[in-house]
Amino acid sequence: MIEQNYKITRDDYIRFNMSHAKQSKITKLLILTLRISIPLILIAYAIYVGEITNPVYMGVLTVFVLPWVIFSPRLIWMNMVKKINTILDESNVGDLFSQRKITLSNEKVIDKTGSSSTTYEWSDFIELKVTESAIYLYTNSAQAVILPLRELKQKKKILEMMSKHTGLTYQ
């Protein structure tokens, strides 16, 4: 059995959401669609008004389209972080950022906060992801137990136990 105290910070939560979003096929498709649709709309408008051969219009179009194509993904990610922060500011996050204790046994995982306790069977976990800053043990496609690596004293032992009991691999 392994017991570990830890605390999730606002940055940990944002990193989790961003990591999840960056892996999402829907988010990738949305970014690609936005990245391409704006230039296509502007080009279609130029064709419609007959300015497609006008070098001044094409110069102006290039000045706006190239930066959009290059920087739009970054702008979208920055906006996403801003939205997550707004949601956190406007909602009651309860004890999300309070001190926690996770207990990993051969039978189950117990995640306790000051006011609640959640028990998981090892079979409840469907995915195990390790990033540079955290371990994410997913219970469904959008929800996970977040374990910040900076808080873990027995990282290797914890990962081995998780992998052994869930049958999931990690990198």
Protein backbone atom coordinates (compact mmCIF):
# COMPACT_ATOMS: atom_id res chain seq x y z
CA MET A 1 0.00 0.00 0.00
CA ILE A 2 1.19 3.50 -0.87
CA GLU A 3 -0.12 6.68 0.74
CA GLN A 4 0.74 10.08 -0.64
CA ASN A 5 -0.31 13.57 0.39
CA TYR A 6 -0.57 16.09 -2.41
CA LYS A 7 -2.22 19.31 -3.47
CA ILE A 8 -3.55 20.27 -6.89
CA THR A 9 -2.92 23.89 -7.81
CA ARG A 10 -4.83 26.04 -10.26
CA ASP A 11 -1.94 25.62 -12.73
CA ASP A 12 -2.12 21.81 -12.39
CA TYR A 13 -5.81 21.92 -13.22
CA ILE A 14 -5.26 24.21 -16.21
CA ARG A 15 -2.41 21.99 -17.46
CA PHE A 16 -4.69 18.96 -17.21
CA ASN A 17 -7.43 20.65 -19.23
CA MET A 18 -4.95 21.90 -21.84
CA SER A 19 -3.27 18.50 -22.11
CA HIS A 20 -6.66 16.90 -22.59
CA ALA A 21 -7.71 19.50 -25.17
CA LYS A 22 -4.48 19.14 -27.15
CA GLN A 23 -5.08 15.39 -27.46
CA SER A 24 -8.74 15.79 -28.43
CA LYS A 25 -9.57 15.05 -32.06
CA ILE A 26 -12.47 17.51 -31.92
CA THR A 27 -10.23 20.34 -30.69
CA LYS A 28 -7.63 19.60 -33.35
CA LEU A 29 -10.35 19.65 -36.02
CA LEU A 30 -11.76 22.92 -34.65
CA ILE A 31 -8.36 24.61 -34.77
CA LEU A 32 -7.69 23.36 -38.29
CA THR A 33 -11.14 24.54 -39.41
CA LEU A 34 -10.66 28.01 -37.91
CA ARG A 35 -7.14 28.23 -39.26
CA ILE A 36 -8.27 27.50 -42.81
CA SER A 37 -11.80 28.95 -42.94
CA ILE A 38 -10.88 32.61 -42.29
CA PRO A 39 -8.37 32.76 -45.20
CA LEU A 40 -10.79 30.89 -47.46
CA ILE A 41 -13.59 33.33 -46.65
CA LEU A 42 -11.33 36.29 -47.43
CA ILE A 43 -10.17 34.73 -50.71
CA ALA A 44 -13.77 33.88 -51.66
CA TYR A 45 -14.74 37.48 -50.95
CA ALA A 46 -11.88 38.72 -53.15
CA ILE A 47 -13.07 36.49 -55.98
CA TYR A 48 -16.68 37.61 -55.45
CA VAL A 49 -15.87 41.34 -55.65
CA GLY A 50 -13.41 40.80 -58.48
CA GLU A 51 -10.36 42.01 -56.58
CA ILE A 52 -8.44 38.72 -56.74
CA THR A 53 -6.07 40.14 -59.39
CA ASN A 54 -5.62 43.48 -57.64
CA PRO A 55 -2.05 43.46 -56.19
CA VAL A 56 -2.95 45.94 -53.43
CA TYR A 57 -5.83 43.77 -52.22
CA MET A 58 -3.67 40.65 -52.42
CA GLY A 59 -0.94 42.42 -50.42
CA VAL A 60 -3.44 43.41 -47.72
CA LEU A 61 -4.89 39.90 -47.77
CA THR A 62 -1.43 38.40 -47.32
CA VAL A 63 -0.66 40.74 -44.42
CA PHE A 64 -3.77 39.51 -42.59
CA VAL A 65 -3.88 35.87 -43.68
CA LEU A 66 -0.28 34.82 -43.02
CA PRO A 67 -0.22 35.93 -39.37
CA TRP A 68 -3.62 34.30 -38.87
CA VAL A 69 -2.43 30.98 -40.25
CA ILE A 70 0.78 31.13 -38.21
CA PHE A 71 -0.54 32.45 -34.88
CA SER A 72 -4.18 31.33 -34.69
CA PRO A 73 -3.50 28.07 -32.80
CA ARG A 74 -1.59 29.96 -30.12
CA LEU A 75 -4.39 32.53 -29.84
CA ILE A 76 -6.94 29.75 -29.48
CA TRP A 77 -4.90 28.04 -26.72
CA MET A 78 -4.46 31.36 -24.90
CA ASN A 79 -8.21 31.97 -25.12
CA MET A 80 -8.87 28.47 -23.78
CA VAL A 81 -6.68 29.15 -20.71
CA LYS A 82 -8.53 32.42 -20.18
CA LYS A 83 -11.90 30.61 -20.35
CA ILE A 84 -10.76 27.96 -17.85
CA ASN A 85 -9.64 30.70 -15.46
CA THR A 86 -12.99 32.48 -15.87
CA ILE A 87 -14.87 29.26 -15.11
CA LEU A 88 -12.72 28.67 -12.01
CA ASP A 89 -13.25 32.27 -10.85
CA GLU A 90 -17.02 32.18 -11.35
CA SER A 91 -17.78 28.73 -9.96
CA ASN A 92 -17.56 27.05 -6.61
CA VAL A 93 -14.58 24.71 -6.93
CA GLY A 94 -15.10 23.36 -3.43
CA ASP A 95 -12.06 21.50 -2.20
CA LEU A 96 -10.53 20.98 -5.65
CA PHE A 97 -7.38 22.87 -4.63
CA SER A 98 -7.22 21.68 -1.01
CA GLN A 99 -4.80 19.21 0.55
CA ARG A 100 -5.48 15.63 -0.57
CA LYS A 101 -4.37 12.14 0.27
CA ILE A 102 -4.31 9.25 -2.16
CA THR A 103 -4.09 5.68 -0.99
CA LEU A 104 -3.15 3.00 -3.48
CA SER A 105 -3.74 -0.58 -2.35
CA ASN A 106 -3.87 -3.87 -4.22
CA GLU A 107 -7.67 -3.66 -4.29
CA LYS A 108 -8.54 0.00 -4.81
CA VAL A 109 -7.57 3.66 -4.94
CA ILE A 110 -8.93 6.11 -2.37
CA ASP A 111 -8.65 9.85 -3.00
CA LYS A 112 -9.50 11.93 0.09
CA THR A 113 -9.91 15.64 0.61
CA GLY A 114 -10.88 17.47 3.76
CA SER A 115 -14.59 17.00 3.12
CA SER A 116 -14.93 14.07 0.74
CA SER A 117 -13.56 10.70 -0.23
CA THR A 118 -13.74 8.94 -3.59
CA THR A 119 -13.01 5.24 -3.94
CA TYR A 120 -12.07 3.73 -7.28
CA GLU A 121 -11.61 0.13 -8.25
CA TRP A 122 -8.52 -0.39 -10.39
CA SER A 123 -10.82 -1.49 -13.21
CA ASP A 124 -12.44 1.98 -13.17
CA PHE A 125 -9.37 3.47 -14.85
CA ILE A 126 -9.26 3.50 -18.64
CA GLU A 127 -6.08 5.44 -19.40
CA LEU A 128 -2.79 6.34 -17.73
CA LYS A 129 -0.92 9.40 -19.02
CA VAL A 130 2.33 10.83 -17.73
CA THR A 131 3.35 14.35 -18.69
CA GLU A 132 6.34 16.43 -17.64
CA SER A 133 4.34 17.76 -14.69
CA ALA A 134 1.72 15.18 -13.67
CA ILE A 135 0.23 11.71 -13.81
CA TYR A 136 -3.33 11.55 -15.14
CA LEU A 137 -5.30 8.45 -14.29
CA TYR A 138 -8.46 8.72 -16.41
CA THR A 139 -11.80 7.34 -15.23
CA ASN A 140 -13.56 8.41 -18.44
CA SER A 141 -12.66 10.35 -21.56
CA ALA A 142 -12.68 13.74 -19.78
CA GLN A 143 -12.14 13.06 -16.07
CA ALA A 144 -8.99 11.96 -14.29
CA VAL A 145 -7.23 11.75 -10.96
CA ILE A 146 -4.49 14.39 -11.24
CA LEU A 147 -1.25 13.65 -9.40
CA PRO A 148 1.31 16.47 -9.68
CA LEU A 149 4.80 14.97 -10.03
CA ARG A 150 6.38 17.65 -7.83
CA GLU A 151 4.33 16.31 -4.89
CA LEU A 152 5.15 12.62 -5.35
CA LYS A 153 7.96 11.09 -3.34
CA GLN A 154 7.65 7.61 -4.83
CA LYS A 155 6.94 8.40 -8.50
CA LYS A 156 8.39 5.22 -9.96
CA LYS A 157 6.74 2.96 -7.38
CA ILE A 158 3.37 4.68 -7.86
CA LEU A 159 3.57 4.37 -11.66
CA GLU A 160 4.56 0.72 -11.45
CA MET A 161 1.66 -0.02 -9.11
CA MET A 162 -0.80 1.83 -11.35
CA SER A 163 0.42 0.04 -14.44
CA LYS A 164 0.38 -3.36 -12.71
CA HIS A 165 -3.17 -3.06 -11.38
CA THR A 166 -4.77 -1.31 -14.34
CA GLY A 167 -2.94 -3.15 -17.09
CA LEU A 168 -2.32 0.24 -18.68
CA THR A 169 1.08 1.27 -19.96
CA TYR A 170 2.76 4.64 -19.66
CA GLN A 171 5.72 6.38 -21.24
